[in-house]
Structure formats: structure tokens, C-alpha cells
Amino acid sequence: MPRKLRIPTWQGYVEALQLVAANVDYNYNVTQYNQEYDPTRHTLNCATGGGGDQLISNGQSWTMADPAAWYYMHTGDSKYRDQMKTYIDSGLNGGATPYNTGGSLTNWTGNWAGRWSSWVYNNSKSNATPPSTIANLSTTANGQNINLHWTAPQTASRYIVAYSNTPFYQYL
């Protein structure tokens, strides 16, 4: 498995996760590995079917495979892994598979491409089920600090406590 990223603060980690989450989710729901998506035209590089225009994957969009794999590893949401594997194996909606990657998306050769996608392509996450929701979160003031208290779910392996003065991305 690839080494974990070293982020100096957990707040920075959460902000990076939100940025990746938004982009990966947009790729999953809208562009579908199609780097030429134009929201004003909707027909550029599309396959037209009974349900209307549907974007088809483009061979140049392989750079989204690693972010999708990384996001899957951090959330366990298999739909991102499944879409990535379909893109690599056969393309999406009749579109192209990745090209000019030399197989690095499924068999990492040490370059920058495919570090995460090759591992995720060949391995599934062993703990894809998230722990149960914390039901008894409470806080107490301690001077200028706030202490958090909760009962830890048995299957939790780590916690990420984040704060924001704006809403978090919907899937975090």
C-alpha cells in the first residue's frame, strides 16, 4: 500500500480531503473521466442514449484515477473504485480507456502516475465499513479551549476532528 501523506495539521488534512472529495465526486457524477466537459454544451464528446446525453470517458483523463483511488482509500466508498476500474478496463459509456500510461495505472512502475490507482485496482479496502456514528458528543469549556467528549465506537481506528466557519463538503 502507498505511504500515507504527511500533513502537518489535521485541519489541513480535512481541507485537502474536502478539495479532493469535491473533484472526485464531480468526476463520478458529472464528467465521468471526460476532460472535455463543457457545461454550456452538454453534447461535447457524449453518447446519446434513451436517457439523454451521457458523457463518455476520454483517454487523456487518466490523471483522475489516482485521486479517485486515494479518495476510495480514505472513505471506503466503493463506487469510486468501481468506476475507476471500469474506466481502466473498458472505458465509460462507450468511451476510451486511458492511453499513454504504459500500464502504470494497474501495475505501478515508480513514476508519478498510478501510485494509488494501481494499488486500489489490485486490492480492495479491508475495512470499508465505517464505524457507527458517535451518539453522545458533548463539549465543555476550559478557558480558551473546548474539550470534546464521546464514547468511541469499537471499530474506529482513528478520529479526525475538524472545524470550519463554512459548511463541509456533503460527504464528510
C-alpha atoms as a PDB file:
ATOM      1  CA  MET A   1       0.000   0.000   0.000  1.00  0.00           C
ATOM      2  CA  PRO A   2       1.306   3.505  -0.757  1.00  0.00           C
ATOM      3  CA  ARG A   3       2.698   5.502   2.133  1.00  0.00           C
ATOM      4  CA  LYS A   4       0.354   7.891   3.865  1.00  0.00           C
ATOM      5  CA  LEU A   5       0.701  11.572   3.133  1.00  0.00           C
ATOM      6  CA  ARG A   6       2.422  13.576   5.832  1.00  0.00           C
ATOM      7  CA  ILE A   7       0.289  16.590   6.640  1.00  0.00           C
ATOM      8  CA  PRO A   8       1.442  18.893   9.451  1.00  0.00           C
ATOM      9  CA  THR A   9      -2.054  19.537  10.780  1.00  0.00           C
ATOM     10  CA  TRP A  10      -5.239  17.500  10.782  1.00  0.00           C
ATOM     11  CA  GLN A  11      -7.124  20.646   9.811  1.00  0.00           C
ATOM     12  CA  GLY A  12      -5.015  20.772   6.663  1.00  0.00           C
ATOM     13  CA  TYR A  13      -5.802  17.113   6.058  1.00  0.00           C
ATOM     14  CA  VAL A  14      -9.541  17.749   6.292  1.00  0.00           C
ATOM     15  CA  GLU A  15      -9.329  20.738   3.971  1.00  0.00           C
ATOM     16  CA  ALA A  16      -7.350  18.677   1.433  1.00  0.00           C
ATOM     17  CA  LEU A  17      -9.837  15.824   1.778  1.00  0.00           C
ATOM     18  CA  GLN A  18     -12.706  18.214   1.056  1.00  0.00           C
ATOM     19  CA  LEU A  19     -10.968  19.522  -2.055  1.00  0.00           C
ATOM     20  CA  VAL A  20     -10.289  16.013  -3.358  1.00  0.00           C
ATOM     21  CA  ALA A  21     -13.829  14.908  -2.395  1.00  0.00           C
ATOM     22  CA  ALA A  22     -15.437  17.664  -4.418  1.00  0.00           C
ATOM     23  CA  ASN A  23     -13.330  16.933  -7.502  1.00  0.00           C
ATOM     24  CA  VAL A  24     -13.685  13.153  -7.334  1.00  0.00           C
ATOM     25  CA  ASP A  25     -17.416  13.397  -6.758  1.00  0.00           C
ATOM     26  CA  TYR A  26     -17.759  15.810  -9.694  1.00  0.00           C
ATOM     27  CA  ASN A  27     -15.837  13.337 -11.850  1.00  0.00           C
ATOM     28  CA  TYR A  28     -18.079  10.489 -10.694  1.00  0.00           C
ATOM     29  CA  ASN A  29     -21.393  12.276 -11.141  1.00  0.00           C
ATOM     30  CA  VAL A  30     -20.739  14.695 -13.997  1.00  0.00           C
ATOM     31  CA  THR A  31     -17.606  14.383 -16.134  1.00  0.00           C
ATOM     32  CA  GLN A  32     -17.033  10.605 -15.869  1.00  0.00           C
ATOM     33  CA  TYR A  33     -13.358  10.771 -16.891  1.00  0.00           C
ATOM     34  CA  ASN A  34     -14.110  13.199 -19.728  1.00  0.00           C
ATOM     35  CA  GLN A  35     -11.705  16.133 -19.584  1.00  0.00           C
ATOM     36  CA  GLU A  36     -13.523  17.982 -22.365  1.00  0.00           C
ATOM     37  CA  TYR A  37     -16.767  18.541 -20.464  1.00  0.00           C
ATOM     38  CA  ASP A  38     -18.386  21.861 -21.278  1.00  0.00           C
ATOM     39  CA  PRO A  39     -21.439  22.533 -19.067  1.00  0.00           C
ATOM     40  CA  THR A  40     -22.801  25.032 -21.600  1.00  0.00           C
ATOM     41  CA  ARG A  41     -22.920  22.463 -24.436  1.00  0.00           C
ATOM     42  CA  HIS A  42     -23.609  19.071 -22.760  1.00  0.00           C
ATOM     43  CA  THR A  43     -23.132  17.328 -26.087  1.00  0.00           C
ATOM     44  CA  LEU A  44     -19.381  17.598 -26.489  1.00  0.00           C
ATOM     45  CA  ASN A  45     -17.870  14.114 -26.531  1.00  0.00           C
ATOM     46  CA  CYS A  46     -21.166  12.498 -25.479  1.00  0.00           C
ATOM     47  CA  ALA A  47     -23.013   9.328 -26.316  1.00  0.00           C
ATOM     48  CA  THR A  48     -26.718   9.962 -26.805  1.00  0.00           C
ATOM     49  CA  GLY A  49     -28.980   7.308 -25.366  1.00  0.00           C
ATOM     50  CA  GLY A  50     -32.574   6.919 -24.253  1.00  0.00           C
ATOM     51  CA  GLY A  51     -31.880   8.958 -21.119  1.00  0.00           C
ATOM     52  CA  GLY A  52     -30.361  11.901 -22.963  1.00  0.00           C
ATOM     53  CA  ASP A  53     -26.740  12.836 -23.420  1.00  0.00           C
ATOM     54  CA  GLN A  54     -24.229  10.867 -21.395  1.00  0.00           C
ATOM     55  CA  LEU A  55     -20.576  11.804 -21.234  1.00  0.00           C
ATOM     56  CA  ILE A  56     -18.105   9.227 -22.466  1.00  0.00           C
ATOM     57  CA  SER A  57     -14.655   8.729 -20.994  1.00  0.00           C
ATOM     58  CA  ASN A  58     -11.601  10.171 -22.685  1.00  0.00           C
ATOM     59  CA  GLY A  59      -8.182   8.528 -22.777  1.00  0.00           C
ATOM     60  CA  GLN A  60      -6.491  11.692 -21.532  1.00  0.00           C
ATOM     61  CA  SER A  61      -8.492  11.766 -18.302  1.00  0.00           C
ATOM     62  CA  TRP A  62      -6.403   9.077 -16.620  1.00  0.00           C
ATOM     63  CA  THR A  63      -4.979  11.661 -14.238  1.00  0.00           C
ATOM     64  CA  MET A  64      -8.261  11.425 -12.268  1.00  0.00           C
ATOM     65  CA  ALA A  65      -7.623   7.724 -11.490  1.00  0.00           C
ATOM     66  CA  ASP A  66      -5.188   8.411  -8.640  1.00  0.00           C
ATOM     67  CA  PRO A  67      -7.398  10.991  -6.865  1.00  0.00           C
ATOM     68  CA  ALA A  68     -10.384   8.631  -7.160  1.00  0.00           C
ATOM     69  CA  ALA A  69      -8.307   5.768  -5.741  1.00  0.00           C
ATOM     70  CA  TRP A  70      -6.949   7.938  -2.925  1.00  0.00           C
ATOM     71  CA  TYR A  71     -10.464   9.079  -2.045  1.00  0.00           C
ATOM     72  CA  TYR A  72     -11.723   5.493  -2.032  1.00  0.00           C
ATOM     73  CA  MET A  73      -8.903   4.521   0.353  1.00  0.00           C
ATOM     74  CA  HIS A  74      -9.867   7.318   2.739  1.00  0.00           C
ATOM     75  CA  THR A  75     -13.636   6.840   2.617  1.00  0.00           C
ATOM     76  CA  GLY A  76     -14.208   3.200   1.670  1.00  0.00           C
ATOM     77  CA  ASP A  77     -16.912   4.233  -0.811  1.00  0.00           C
ATOM     78  CA  SER A  78     -16.545   1.502  -3.430  1.00  0.00           C
ATOM     79  CA  LYS A  79     -18.436   3.342  -6.178  1.00  0.00           C
ATOM     80  CA  TYR A  80     -15.302   5.412  -6.863  1.00  0.00           C
ATOM     81  CA  ARG A  81     -13.126   2.289  -7.104  1.00  0.00           C
ATOM     82  CA  ASP A  82     -15.686   0.547  -9.314  1.00  0.00           C
ATOM     83  CA  GLN A  83     -15.884   3.493 -11.722  1.00  0.00           C
ATOM     84  CA  MET A  84     -12.093   3.787 -11.853  1.00  0.00           C
ATOM     85  CA  LYS A  85     -11.717   0.074 -12.638  1.00  0.00           C
ATOM     86  CA  THR A  86     -14.365   0.266 -15.381  1.00  0.00           C
ATOM     87  CA  TYR A  87     -12.616   3.286 -16.904  1.00  0.00           C
ATOM     88  CA  ILE A  88      -9.264   1.458 -16.908  1.00  0.00           C
ATOM     89  CA  ASP A  89     -10.673  -1.844 -18.198  1.00  0.00           C
ATOM     90  CA  SER A  90     -13.200  -0.781 -20.837  1.00  0.00           C
ATOM     91  CA  GLY A  91     -13.921   2.955 -20.745  1.00  0.00           C
ATOM     92  CA  LEU A  92     -17.161   4.567 -19.601  1.00  0.00           C
ATOM     93  CA  ASN A  93     -20.326   4.788 -21.692  1.00  0.00           C
ATOM     94  CA  GLY A  94     -18.557   3.567 -24.830  1.00  0.00           C
ATOM     95  CA  GLY A  95     -15.643   5.955 -24.375  1.00  0.00           C
ATOM     96  CA  ALA A  96     -11.902   5.439 -24.379  1.00  0.00           C
ATOM     97  CA  THR A  97      -9.712   3.722 -21.824  1.00  0.00           C
ATOM     98  CA  PRO A  98      -6.634   5.530 -20.505  1.00  0.00           C
ATOM     99  CA  TYR A  99      -3.829   5.790 -23.028  1.00  0.00           C
ATOM    100  CA  ASN A 100      -0.126   6.501 -22.889  1.00  0.00           C
ATOM    101  CA  THR A 101       0.145   5.224 -19.326  1.00  0.00           C
ATOM    102  CA  GLY A 102       2.245   2.137 -20.077  1.00  0.00           C
ATOM    103  CA  GLY A 103       0.111   0.053 -17.724  1.00  0.00           C
ATOM    104  CA  SER A 104       1.139   2.167 -14.726  1.00  0.00           C
ATOM    105  CA  LEU A 105      -2.471   2.573 -13.579  1.00  0.00           C
ATOM    106  CA  THR A 106      -2.680  -1.155 -12.805  1.00  0.00           C
ATOM    107  CA  ASN A 107       0.991  -2.014 -12.292  1.00  0.00           C
ATOM    108  CA  TRP A 108       2.857   0.924 -10.783  1.00  0.00           C
ATOM    109  CA  THR A 109       6.363   1.334 -12.193  1.00  0.00           C
ATOM    110  CA  GLY A 110       7.608   4.007  -9.807  1.00  0.00           C
ATOM    111  CA  ASN A 111       6.724   7.125 -11.741  1.00  0.00           C
ATOM    112  CA  TRP A 112       4.168   9.654 -10.583  1.00  0.00           C
ATOM    113  CA  ALA A 113       1.225   8.079 -12.450  1.00  0.00           C
ATOM    114  CA  GLY A 114      -0.678   5.213 -10.922  1.00  0.00           C
ATOM    115  CA  ARG A 115       0.753   5.175  -7.415  1.00  0.00           C
ATOM    116  CA  TRP A 116      -2.687   4.935  -5.817  1.00  0.00           C
ATOM    117  CA  SER A 117      -4.760   3.569  -8.697  1.00  0.00           C
ATOM    118  CA  SER A 118      -2.545   0.520  -9.222  1.00  0.00           C
ATOM    119  CA  TRP A 119      -2.796  -0.455  -5.551  1.00  0.00           C
ATOM    120  CA  VAL A 120      -6.553   0.124  -5.379  1.00  0.00           C
ATOM    121  CA  TYR A 121      -7.099  -1.600  -8.728  1.00  0.00           C
ATOM    122  CA  ASN A 122      -5.444  -4.766  -7.399  1.00  0.00           C
ATOM    123  CA  ASN A 123      -6.636  -4.606  -3.769  1.00  0.00           C
ATOM    124  CA  SER A 124      -9.855  -3.764  -2.020  1.00  0.00           C
ATOM    125  CA  LYS A 125     -10.017  -1.895   1.252  1.00  0.00           C
ATOM    126  CA  SER A 126     -10.283  -4.371   4.110  1.00  0.00           C
ATOM    127  CA  ASN A 127     -12.237  -2.057   6.414  1.00  0.00           C
ATOM    128  CA  ALA A 128     -14.666  -0.407   4.005  1.00  0.00           C
ATOM    129  CA  THR A 129     -17.485  -0.250   6.551  1.00  0.00           C
ATOM    130  CA  PRO A 130     -17.279   2.943   8.598  1.00  0.00           C
ATOM    131  CA  PRO A 131     -17.704   2.783  12.382  1.00  0.00           C
ATOM    132  CA  SER A 132     -21.059   3.636  13.878  1.00  0.00           C
ATOM    133  CA  THR A 133     -21.967   7.273  14.386  1.00  0.00           C
ATOM    134  CA  ILE A 134     -20.982   8.922  17.643  1.00  0.00           C
ATOM    135  CA  ALA A 135     -24.236   9.407  19.520  1.00  0.00           C
ATOM    136  CA  ASN A 136     -23.141  11.192  22.672  1.00  0.00           C
ATOM    137  CA  LEU A 137     -20.797  14.000  21.634  1.00  0.00           C
ATOM    138  CA  SER A 138     -20.593  16.746  24.245  1.00  0.00           C
ATOM    139  CA  THR A 139     -18.352  19.720  24.934  1.00  0.00           C
ATOM    140  CA  THR A 140     -17.067  21.606  27.949  1.00  0.00           C
ATOM    141  CA  ALA A 141     -15.344  24.969  28.043  1.00  0.00           C
ATOM    142  CA  ASN A 142     -11.878  25.083  29.583  1.00  0.00           C
ATOM    143  CA  GLY A 143     -10.583  28.639  29.431  1.00  0.00           C
ATOM    144  CA  GLN A 144      -9.989  29.405  25.759  1.00  0.00           C
ATOM    145  CA  ASN A 145     -10.170  25.707  24.851  1.00  0.00           C
ATOM    146  CA  ILE A 146     -13.096  23.411  24.229  1.00  0.00           C
ATOM    147  CA  ASN A 147     -12.910  19.790  25.345  1.00  0.00           C
ATOM    148  CA  LEU A 148     -14.800  17.170  23.351  1.00  0.00           C
ATOM    149  CA  HIS A 149     -16.193  14.025  24.985  1.00  0.00           C
ATOM    150  CA  TRP A 150     -17.731  10.935  23.377  1.00  0.00           C
ATOM    151  CA  THR A 151     -17.896   7.182  23.604  1.00  0.00           C
ATOM    152  CA  ALA A 152     -15.645   5.696  20.963  1.00  0.00           C
ATOM    153  CA  PRO A 153     -17.220   3.221  18.532  1.00  0.00           C
ATOM    154  CA  GLN A 154     -15.456  -0.146  18.865  1.00  0.00           C
ATOM    155  CA  THR A 155     -14.444  -0.328  15.224  1.00  0.00           C
ATOM    156  CA  ALA A 156     -12.979   3.186  14.965  1.00  0.00           C
ATOM    157  CA  SER A 157      -9.259   3.167  14.220  1.00  0.00           C
ATOM    158  CA  ARG A 158      -8.775   6.950  14.222  1.00  0.00           C
ATOM    159  CA  TYR A 159     -10.677  10.204  14.579  1.00  0.00           C
ATOM    160  CA  ILE A 160     -10.498  13.383  12.584  1.00  0.00           C
ATOM    161  CA  VAL A 161     -11.909  16.365  14.406  1.00  0.00           C
ATOM    162  CA  ALA A 162     -12.347  19.359  12.154  1.00  0.00           C
ATOM    163  CA  TYR A 163     -13.781  22.806  12.480  1.00  0.00           C
ATOM    164  CA  SER A 164     -14.962  25.248   9.850  1.00  0.00           C
ATOM    165  CA  ASN A 165     -16.808  28.509   9.598  1.00  0.00           C
ATOM    166  CA  THR A 166     -18.279  27.269   6.286  1.00  0.00           C
ATOM    167  CA  PRO A 167     -20.180  24.027   5.588  1.00  0.00           C
ATOM    168  CA  PHE A 168     -18.163  20.874   4.994  1.00  0.00           C
ATOM    169  CA  TYR A 169     -18.472  19.032   1.718  1.00  0.00           C
ATOM    170  CA  GLN A 170     -21.610  16.902   1.861  1.00  0.00           C
ATOM    171  CA  TYR A 171     -19.862  13.514   2.125  1.00  0.00           C
ATOM    172  CA  LEU A 172     -17.623  14.302   5.108  1.00  0.00           C
END
